[in-house]
C-alpha atoms as a PDB file:
ATOM      1  CA  MET A   1      89.891 125.716 156.311  1.00  0.00           C
ATOM      2  CA  ARG A   2      89.461 125.382 152.531  1.00  0.00           C
ATOM      3  CA  ASN A   3      89.057 127.957 149.790  1.00  0.00           C
ATOM      4  CA  LEU A   4      86.590 126.766 147.157  1.00  0.00           C
ATOM      5  CA  LEU A   5      86.303 128.389 143.757  1.00  0.00           C
ATOM      6  CA  MET A   6      83.205 127.959 141.617  1.00  0.00           C
ATOM      7  CA  LYS A   7      81.833 128.932 138.247  1.00  0.00           C
ATOM      8  CA  VAL A   8      78.142 129.815 137.956  1.00  0.00           C
ATOM      9  CA  SER A   9      75.796 130.597 135.082  1.00  0.00           C
ATOM     10  CA  TYR A  10      72.532 132.426 135.604  1.00  0.00           C
ATOM     11  CA  ASP A  11      69.590 134.024 133.882  1.00  0.00           C
ATOM     12  CA  GLY A  12      69.437 137.393 135.609  1.00  0.00           C
ATOM     13  CA  THR A  13      65.995 138.392 134.326  1.00  0.00           C
ATOM     14  CA  ASP A  14      64.121 137.947 137.596  1.00  0.00           C
ATOM     15  CA  TYR A  15      66.871 139.024 139.993  1.00  0.00           C
ATOM     16  CA  ASN A  16      68.040 142.320 141.488  1.00  0.00           C
ATOM     17  CA  GLY A  17      71.589 141.779 140.251  1.00  0.00           C
ATOM     18  CA  PHE A  18      74.379 139.589 141.587  1.00  0.00           C
ATOM     19  CA  GLN A  19      75.489 141.365 144.742  1.00  0.00           C
ATOM     20  CA  THR A  20      73.532 141.260 147.993  1.00  0.00           C
ATOM     21  CA  GLN A  21      71.495 144.413 148.633  1.00  0.00           C
ATOM     22  CA  PRO A  22      68.787 145.544 151.066  1.00  0.00           C
ATOM     23  CA  GLY A  23      65.943 144.541 148.730  1.00  0.00           C
ATOM     24  CA  GLY A  24      67.228 140.964 148.585  1.00  0.00           C
ATOM     25  CA  HIS A  25      66.480 138.513 145.764  1.00  0.00           C
ATOM     26  CA  THR A  26      69.982 138.543 144.327  1.00  0.00           C
ATOM     27  CA  ILE A  27      72.117 135.763 142.863  1.00  0.00           C
ATOM     28  CA  GLN A  28      74.509 136.028 145.807  1.00  0.00           C
ATOM     29  CA  ASP A  29      71.637 135.577 148.276  1.00  0.00           C
ATOM     30  CA  TYR A  30      70.529 132.330 146.672  1.00  0.00           C
ATOM     31  CA  LEU A  31      74.065 130.954 146.401  1.00  0.00           C
ATOM     32  CA  GLU A  32      74.797 131.660 150.058  1.00  0.00           C
ATOM     33  CA  GLU A  33      71.467 130.151 151.119  1.00  0.00           C
ATOM     34  CA  ALA A  34      72.244 127.000 149.133  1.00  0.00           C
ATOM     35  CA  ILE A  35      75.710 126.740 150.718  1.00  0.00           C
ATOM     36  CA  LEU A  36      74.125 127.140 154.178  1.00  0.00           C
ATOM     37  CA  ALA A  37      71.549 124.437 153.446  1.00  0.00           C
ATOM     38  CA  LEU A  38      74.268 122.080 152.217  1.00  0.00           C
ATOM     39  CA  SER A  39      77.097 122.680 154.689  1.00  0.00           C
ATOM     40  CA  GLY A  40      75.417 124.357 157.650  1.00  0.00           C
ATOM     41  CA  GLU A  41      77.840 127.277 157.298  1.00  0.00           C
ATOM     42  CA  GLN A  42      76.932 130.952 156.939  1.00  0.00           C
ATOM     43  CA  VAL A  43      79.453 132.159 154.341  1.00  0.00           C
ATOM     44  CA  LYS A  44      80.049 135.318 152.354  1.00  0.00           C
ATOM     45  CA  ILE A  45      81.085 134.617 148.794  1.00  0.00           C
ATOM     46  CA  THR A  46      83.477 136.834 146.841  1.00  0.00           C
ATOM     47  CA  ALA A  47      82.679 137.181 143.137  1.00  0.00           C
ATOM     48  CA  SER A  48      84.836 138.347 140.251  1.00  0.00           C
ATOM     49  CA  GLY A  49      82.488 141.336 139.980  1.00  0.00           C
ATOM     50  CA  ARG A  50      78.869 142.353 140.144  1.00  0.00           C
ATOM     51  CA  THR A  51      76.222 142.320 137.446  1.00  0.00           C
ATOM     52  CA  ASP A  52      73.202 144.626 137.396  1.00  0.00           C
ATOM     53  CA  ALA A  53      69.552 143.664 137.638  1.00  0.00           C
ATOM     54  CA  GLY A  54      68.448 141.771 134.537  1.00  0.00           C
ATOM     55  CA  VAL A  55      72.014 141.030 133.386  1.00  0.00           C
ATOM     56  CA  HIS A  56      73.052 137.411 132.809  1.00  0.00           C
ATOM     57  CA  ALA A  57      76.249 135.389 133.217  1.00  0.00           C
ATOM     58  CA  ARG A  58      77.668 132.459 131.319  1.00  0.00           C
ATOM     59  CA  GLY A  59      80.840 132.356 133.421  1.00  0.00           C
ATOM     60  CA  GLN A  60      80.687 134.242 136.723  1.00  0.00           C
ATOM     61  CA  ILE A  61      83.400 133.170 139.191  1.00  0.00           C
ATOM     62  CA  PHE A  62      83.211 133.237 142.982  1.00  0.00           C
ATOM     63  CA  ASN A  63      85.095 131.806 145.944  1.00  0.00           C
ATOM     64  CA  PHE A  64      84.436 131.296 149.643  1.00  0.00           C
ATOM     65  CA  TYR A  65      86.044 129.749 152.726  1.00  0.00           C
ATOM     66  CA  THR A  66      84.617 126.623 154.303  1.00  0.00           C
ATOM     67  CA  SER A  67      85.541 124.076 156.939  1.00  0.00           C
ATOM     68  CA  SER A  68      83.244 121.516 155.314  1.00  0.00           C
ATOM     69  CA  GLN A  69      84.863 118.266 154.252  1.00  0.00           C
ATOM     70  CA  ILE A  70      82.370 117.602 151.438  1.00  0.00           C
ATOM     71  CA  PRO A  71      84.448 116.368 148.468  1.00  0.00           C
ATOM     72  CA  VAL A  72      84.895 119.087 145.859  1.00  0.00           C
ATOM     73  CA  GLU A  73      83.420 116.912 143.104  1.00  0.00           C
ATOM     74  CA  ARG A  74      80.080 116.752 144.946  1.00  0.00           C
ATOM     75  CA  TRP A  75      79.498 120.472 145.387  1.00  0.00           C
ATOM     76  CA  CYS A  76      78.008 121.337 141.979  1.00  0.00           C
ATOM     77  CA  VAL A  77      75.268 118.710 141.966  1.00  0.00           C
ATOM     78  CA  ALA A  78      74.513 119.266 145.639  1.00  0.00           C
ATOM     79  CA  LEU A  79      74.215 123.047 145.280  1.00  0.00           C
ATOM     80  CA  ASN A  80      72.173 122.859 142.076  1.00  0.00           C
ATOM     81  CA  SER A  81      69.594 120.700 143.834  1.00  0.00           C
ATOM     82  CA  ARG A  82      69.124 123.590 146.286  1.00  0.00           C
ATOM     83  CA  LEU A  83      69.173 126.464 143.778  1.00  0.00           C
ATOM     84  CA  PRO A  84      66.450 127.892 141.515  1.00  0.00           C
ATOM     85  CA  GLU A  85      66.535 126.396 138.027  1.00  0.00           C
ATOM     86  CA  ASP A  86      67.873 129.634 136.508  1.00  0.00           C
ATOM     87  CA  ILE A  87      71.085 129.488 138.580  1.00  0.00           C
ATOM     88  CA  VAL A  88      73.493 126.635 137.790  1.00  0.00           C
ATOM     89  CA  VAL A  89      76.931 125.977 139.307  1.00  0.00           C
ATOM     90  CA  THR A  90      79.034 124.271 136.637  1.00  0.00           C
ATOM     91  CA  GLU A  91      82.563 124.038 138.099  1.00  0.00           C
ATOM     92  CA  ALA A  92      84.064 123.662 141.574  1.00  0.00           C
ATOM     93  CA  MET A  93      87.640 123.274 142.735  1.00  0.00           C
ATOM     94  CA  GLU A  94      89.868 123.925 145.714  1.00  0.00           C
ATOM     95  CA  VAL A  95      92.353 126.775 145.359  1.00  0.00           C
ATOM     96  CA  PRO A  96      95.085 128.275 147.571  1.00  0.00           C
ATOM     97  CA  LEU A  97      93.830 130.122 150.635  1.00  0.00           C
ATOM     98  CA  ASP A  98      95.082 133.465 149.335  1.00  0.00           C
ATOM     99  CA  PHE A  99      93.180 133.209 146.035  1.00  0.00           C
ATOM    100  CA  HIS A 100      90.676 136.099 145.602  1.00  0.00           C
ATOM    101  CA  SER A 101      88.199 135.996 142.716  1.00  0.00           C
ATOM    102  CA  ARG A 102      87.972 139.746 142.213  1.00  0.00           C
ATOM    103  CA  ARG A 103      91.530 140.916 142.849  1.00  0.00           C
ATOM    104  CA  GLU A 104      93.147 138.190 140.766  1.00  0.00           C
ATOM    105  CA  ALA A 105      90.891 138.435 137.718  1.00  0.00           C
ATOM    106  CA  LYS A 106      93.094 139.379 134.755  1.00  0.00           C
ATOM    107  CA  ARG A 107      90.564 139.686 131.971  1.00  0.00           C
ATOM    108  CA  LYS A 108      86.779 139.868 131.742  1.00  0.00           C
ATOM    109  CA  THR A 109      84.705 139.537 128.606  1.00  0.00           C
ATOM    110  CA  TYR A 110      81.122 140.662 128.175  1.00  0.00           C
ATOM    111  CA  ARG A 111      78.810 139.908 125.259  1.00  0.00           C
ATOM    112  CA  TYR A 112      75.883 142.096 124.253  1.00  0.00           C
ATOM    113  CA  THR A 113      73.290 140.701 121.853  1.00  0.00           C
ATOM    114  CA  ILE A 114      71.031 142.716 119.561  1.00  0.00           C
ATOM    115  CA  ASN A 115      68.307 140.981 117.585  1.00  0.00           C
ATOM    116  CA  ALA A 116      68.229 143.029 114.378  1.00  0.00           C
ATOM    117  CA  ASN A 117      65.522 140.962 112.693  1.00  0.00           C
ATOM    118  CA  GLN A 118      62.142 142.506 111.930  1.00  0.00           C
ATOM    119  CA  PHE A 119      60.397 140.409 114.577  1.00  0.00           C
ATOM    120  CA  PRO A 120      61.561 139.527 118.081  1.00  0.00           C
ATOM    121  CA  ASP A 121      62.649 135.994 118.896  1.00  0.00           C
ATOM    122  CA  LEU A 122      60.017 134.631 121.263  1.00  0.00           C
ATOM    123  CA  PHE A 123      62.406 132.145 122.826  1.00  0.00           C
ATOM    124  CA  GLY A 124      65.476 134.383 122.975  1.00  0.00           C
ATOM    125  CA  ARG A 125      63.750 137.577 124.064  1.00  0.00           C
ATOM    126  CA  ARG A 126      65.138 137.423 127.618  1.00  0.00           C
ATOM    127  CA  TYR A 127      68.719 137.603 126.303  1.00  0.00           C
ATOM    128  CA  GLN A 128      68.441 140.021 123.376  1.00  0.00           C
ATOM    129  CA  LEU A 129      67.666 143.658 122.745  1.00  0.00           C
ATOM    130  CA  HIS A 130      65.263 143.708 119.801  1.00  0.00           C
ATOM    131  CA  HIS A 131      66.059 146.476 117.293  1.00  0.00           C
ATOM    132  CA  PRO A 132      63.896 146.014 114.176  1.00  0.00           C
ATOM    133  CA  GLY A 133      65.341 149.014 112.318  1.00  0.00           C
ATOM    134  CA  SER A 134      68.344 148.744 110.020  1.00  0.00           C
ATOM    135  CA  LEU A 135      71.768 149.047 111.661  1.00  0.00           C
ATOM    136  CA  ASP A 136      75.079 149.815 109.953  1.00  0.00           C
ATOM    137  CA  ILE A 137      77.150 147.015 111.460  1.00  0.00           C
ATOM    138  CA  GLU A 138      80.376 148.108 109.744  1.00  0.00           C
ATOM    139  CA  ALA A 139      80.015 151.585 111.240  1.00  0.00           C
ATOM    140  CA  MET A 140      79.422 150.066 114.673  1.00  0.00           C
ATOM    141  CA  SER A 141      82.569 147.944 114.312  1.00  0.00           C
ATOM    142  CA  ALA A 142      84.583 151.008 113.275  1.00  0.00           C
ATOM    143  CA  GLY A 143      83.305 152.991 116.247  1.00  0.00           C
ATOM    144  CA  LEU A 144      84.049 150.154 118.643  1.00  0.00           C
ATOM    145  CA  ARG A 145      87.702 150.044 117.631  1.00  0.00           C
ATOM    146  CA  HIS A 146      88.253 153.555 119.033  1.00  0.00           C
ATOM    147  CA  LEU A 147      87.726 152.141 122.545  1.00  0.00           C
ATOM    148  CA  ILE A 148      90.537 149.589 122.409  1.00  0.00           C
ATOM    149  CA  GLY A 149      93.449 150.547 124.637  1.00  0.00           C
ATOM    150  CA  THR A 150      93.880 152.248 128.010  1.00  0.00           C
ATOM    151  CA  HIS A 151      91.605 155.261 128.434  1.00  0.00           C
ATOM    152  CA  ASP A 152      89.622 157.281 130.944  1.00  0.00           C
ATOM    153  CA  PHE A 153      86.096 155.898 130.415  1.00  0.00           C
ATOM    154  CA  THR A 154      84.216 158.562 132.398  1.00  0.00           C
ATOM    155  CA  SER A 155      81.969 159.209 129.372  1.00  0.00           C
ATOM    156  CA  PHE A 156      80.885 155.572 129.495  1.00  0.00           C
ATOM    157  CA  ALA A 157      80.429 155.272 133.263  1.00  0.00           C
ATOM    158  CA  SER A 158      77.305 155.730 135.328  1.00  0.00           C
ATOM    159  CA  ARG A 159      77.003 159.139 136.951  1.00  0.00           C
ATOM    160  CA  LYS A 160      76.647 157.205 140.216  1.00  0.00           C
ATOM    161  CA  SER A 161      80.092 155.644 139.874  1.00  0.00           C
ATOM    162  CA  THR A 162      82.160 156.029 143.049  1.00  0.00           C
ATOM    163  CA  LYS A 163      85.399 154.590 141.676  1.00  0.00           C
ATOM    164  CA  PRO A 164      88.427 156.843 142.371  1.00  0.00           C
ATOM    165  CA  SER A 165      89.687 156.243 138.817  1.00  0.00           C
ATOM    166  CA  HIS A 166      87.793 155.626 135.586  1.00  0.00           C
ATOM    167  CA  VAL A 167      90.887 154.487 133.699  1.00  0.00           C
ATOM    168  CA  ARG A 168      90.415 151.005 132.283  1.00  0.00           C
ATOM    169  CA  THR A 169      92.028 148.922 129.546  1.00  0.00           C
ATOM    170  CA  ILE A 170      90.051 147.333 126.726  1.00  0.00           C
ATOM    171  CA  TYR A 171      92.177 144.554 125.273  1.00  0.00           C
ATOM    172  CA  ASP A 172      89.878 143.678 122.403  1.00  0.00           C
ATOM    173  CA  ALA A 173      86.392 144.437 121.107  1.00  0.00           C
ATOM    174  CA  TRP A 174      84.657 142.945 118.105  1.00  0.00           C
ATOM    175  CA  ILE A 175      81.299 142.129 116.522  1.00  0.00           C
ATOM    176  CA  GLU A 176      80.047 138.771 115.266  1.00  0.00           C
ATOM    177  CA  THR A 177      76.825 138.365 113.309  1.00  0.00           C
ATOM    178  CA  ASP A 178      74.633 135.255 113.256  1.00  0.00           C
ATOM    179  CA  THR A 179      72.279 135.295 110.269  1.00  0.00           C
ATOM    180  CA  SER A 180      71.006 131.727 110.653  1.00  0.00           C
ATOM    181  CA  MET A 181      67.545 132.928 111.735  1.00  0.00           C
ATOM    182  CA  CYS A 182      67.131 135.530 108.972  1.00  0.00           C
ATOM    183  CA  ARG A 183      64.191 135.048 106.605  1.00  0.00           C
ATOM    184  CA  PRO A 184      65.205 135.050 102.922  1.00  0.00           C
ATOM    185  CA  GLY A 185      64.154 138.149 101.004  1.00  0.00           C
ATOM    186  CA  THR A 186      63.561 140.270 104.112  1.00  0.00           C
ATOM    187  CA  ARG A 187      65.457 143.085 105.814  1.00  0.00           C
ATOM    188  CA  ASP A 188      66.423 140.807 108.708  1.00  0.00           C
ATOM    189  CA  GLN A 189      70.036 141.344 109.821  1.00  0.00           C
ATOM    190  CA  GLY A 190      70.300 138.521 112.349  1.00  0.00           C
ATOM    191  CA  LEU A 191      71.807 138.536 115.811  1.00  0.00           C
ATOM    192  CA  ILE A 192      74.565 141.084 116.380  1.00  0.00           C
ATOM    193  CA  HIS A 193      76.894 139.890 119.154  1.00  0.00           C
ATOM    194  CA  THR A 194      79.298 142.519 120.464  1.00  0.00           C
ATOM    195  CA  TYR A 195      82.180 141.288 122.628  1.00  0.00           C
ATOM    196  CA  VAL A 196      84.184 143.625 124.856  1.00  0.00           C
ATOM    197  CA  SER A 197      87.197 142.202 126.699  1.00  0.00           C
ATOM    198  CA  GLY A 198      89.145 144.199 129.252  1.00  0.00           C
ATOM    199  CA  SER A 199      90.913 144.466 132.573  1.00  0.00           C
ATOM    200  CA  GLY A 200      87.745 145.563 134.338  1.00  0.00           C
ATOM    201  CA  PHE A 201      84.580 147.567 133.821  1.00  0.00           C
ATOM    202  CA  LEU A 202      82.812 150.488 135.441  1.00  0.00           C
ATOM    203  CA  GLN A 203      79.156 150.527 136.453  1.00  0.00           C
ATOM    204  CA  HIS A 204      76.965 150.421 133.301  1.00  0.00           C
ATOM    205  CA  MET A 205      80.085 150.798 131.130  1.00  0.00           C
ATOM    206  CA  VAL A 206      79.295 148.119 128.548  1.00  0.00           C
ATOM    207  CA  ARG A 207      75.614 149.120 128.400  1.00  0.00           C
ATOM    208  CA  ILE A 208      76.517 152.771 127.757  1.00  0.00           C
ATOM    209  CA  ILE A 209      79.022 151.710 125.100  1.00  0.00           C
ATOM    210  CA  MET A 210      76.269 149.667 123.453  1.00  0.00           C
ATOM    211  CA  GLY A 211      73.687 152.439 123.644  1.00  0.00           C
ATOM    212  CA  THR A 212      76.190 154.739 121.947  1.00  0.00           C
ATOM    213  CA  LEU A 213      77.109 152.127 119.309  1.00  0.00           C
ATOM    214  CA  ILE A 214      73.453 151.646 118.447  1.00  0.00           C
ATOM    215  CA  THR A 215      73.247 155.389 117.832  1.00  0.00           C
ATOM    216  CA  VAL A 216      76.209 154.987 115.451  1.00  0.00           C
ATOM    217  CA  GLY A 217      74.483 152.061 113.760  1.00  0.00           C
ATOM    218  CA  GLU A 218      71.372 154.174 113.263  1.00  0.00           C
ATOM    219  CA  GLY A 219      73.447 156.805 111.466  1.00  0.00           C
ATOM    220  CA  LYS A 220      72.929 159.450 114.149  1.00  0.00           C
ATOM    221  CA  LEU A 221      76.638 159.490 115.004  1.00  0.00           C
ATOM    222  CA  LYS A 222      79.687 158.890 112.844  1.00  0.00           C
ATOM    223  CA  PRO A 223      82.056 156.096 113.951  1.00  0.00           C
ATOM    224  CA  ASP A 224      84.912 158.579 114.554  1.00  0.00           C
ATOM    225  CA  GLU A 225      82.753 160.441 117.082  1.00  0.00           C
ATOM    226  CA  MET A 226      83.341 157.603 119.528  1.00  0.00           C
ATOM    227  CA  LYS A 227      86.865 159.019 119.964  1.00  0.00           C
ATOM    228  CA  ARG A 228      85.486 162.487 120.661  1.00  0.00           C
ATOM    229  CA  ILE A 229      83.015 161.077 123.185  1.00  0.00           C
ATOM    230  CA  LEU A 230      85.780 159.149 124.933  1.00  0.00           C
ATOM    231  CA  GLU A 231      87.995 162.214 125.164  1.00  0.00           C
ATOM    232  CA  ALA A 232      85.147 164.367 126.527  1.00  0.00           C
ATOM    233  CA  ARG A 233      85.203 162.464 129.857  1.00  0.00           C
ATOM    234  CA  ASN A 234      81.590 163.486 130.320  1.00  0.00           C
ATOM    235  CA  ARG A 235      78.670 161.065 130.623  1.00  0.00           C
ATOM    236  CA  ALA A 236      76.430 163.564 128.830  1.00  0.00           C
ATOM    237  CA  ALA A 237      78.537 163.194 125.663  1.00  0.00           C
ATOM    238  CA  ALA A 238      77.682 159.501 125.216  1.00  0.00           C
ATOM    239  CA  GLY A 239      74.476 157.813 124.155  1.00  0.00           C
ATOM    240  CA  PRO A 240      71.763 156.150 126.265  1.00  0.00           C
ATOM    241  CA  THR A 241      72.268 153.152 128.516  1.00  0.00           C
ATOM    242  CA  ALA A 242      71.190 150.017 126.644  1.00  0.00           C
ATOM    243  CA  MET A 243      68.772 147.634 128.359  1.00  0.00           C
ATOM    244  CA  GLY A 244      70.356 145.096 130.682  1.00  0.00           C
ATOM    245  CA  LYS A 245      68.750 141.990 129.217  1.00  0.00           C
ATOM    246  CA  GLY A 246      71.080 141.921 126.195  1.00  0.00           C
ATOM    247  CA  LEU A 247      74.200 141.803 128.380  1.00  0.00           C
ATOM    248  CA  MET A 248      75.986 138.659 129.557  1.00  0.00           C
ATOM    249  CA  LEU A 249      79.189 138.208 131.544  1.00  0.00           C
ATOM    250  CA  TRP A 250      80.816 135.826 129.101  1.00  0.00           C
ATOM    251  CA  SER A 251      84.048 134.800 130.802  1.00  0.00           C
ATOM    252  CA  VAL A 252      86.588 135.698 133.473  1.00  0.00           C
ATOM    253  CA  GLU A 253      90.246 134.736 133.084  1.00  0.00           C
ATOM    254  CA  TYR A 254      93.031 134.303 135.603  1.00  0.00           C
ATOM    255  CA  ASP A 255      96.710 133.442 135.514  1.00  0.00           C
ATOM    256  CA  ILE A 256      97.008 129.695 135.807  1.00  0.00           C
ATOM    257  CA  THR A 257      98.327 128.698 139.241  1.00  0.00           C
ATOM    258  CA  ASP A 258      98.758 125.446 141.095  1.00  0.00           C
ATOM    259  CA  GLY A 259      95.391 123.936 141.953  1.00  0.00           C
ATOM    260  CA  VAL A 260      93.478 125.805 139.244  1.00  0.00           C
ATOM    261  CA  LYS A 261      92.468 123.762 136.211  1.00  0.00           C
ATOM    262  CA  PRO A 262      93.159 125.532 132.874  1.00  0.00           C
ATOM    263  CA  ASP A 263      89.842 124.440 131.341  1.00  0.00           C
ATOM    264  CA  LEU A 264      87.852 126.552 133.789  1.00  0.00           C
ATOM    265  CA  TRP A 265      89.251 129.765 132.367  1.00  0.00           C
ATOM    266  CA  ASN A 266      89.282 128.885 128.674  1.00  0.00           C
ATOM    267  CA  THR A 267      85.572 128.362 128.090  1.00  0.00           C
END
């Protein structure tokens, strides 16, 4: 028996999220179908975490057990030939049998992208929330800093969350702005990329954080109110849930162990 670990990127626009569910048409469904077509084995993959419908991934990680003797270097090309074009496996390696993608993940980073130009980007519209109004990016950055550290994030969790604890640790959170597509002499602000890196995330957590930050950027909340919202431990205290299409699972990091190549986790 072998334990294979893989990295997959996907455009989540047309899918019902990552994890298998009764309605089908999930990323997991298509990956498992491709593995079955390739190896003849019915497997259940274990991912580093789930993503919601419409949410994308640049670096989702999953593992599964197989008795197939297909060389590890052949898996990516072979699976991609059996997957839809918006799901691409980019890395594959063999890891110790006790390796578990979800339990051993040490750090996850999400990126949320807002297009703050006057007009939407036709070719990037699937991966951006378009917000044509002016946003105070400095205020958003100041508000975001209040979330760094270990806190109870109940205010930023879905009301449907079933987790026994809402305590999570945000290691870092920052904003980067790309103004390369701004038109000179206009009120375009460019692409606002918000990165949130932590030990783990609750259902809708990053999207609720972003919906609240946008409210700060619009001047409807002061940056320091993010601390009050956090301390309220009440979903009603926070802002709306931002649309899923602007969210991307950017990377998942693990402690380096024998059999795991460092370059997989540092991209």
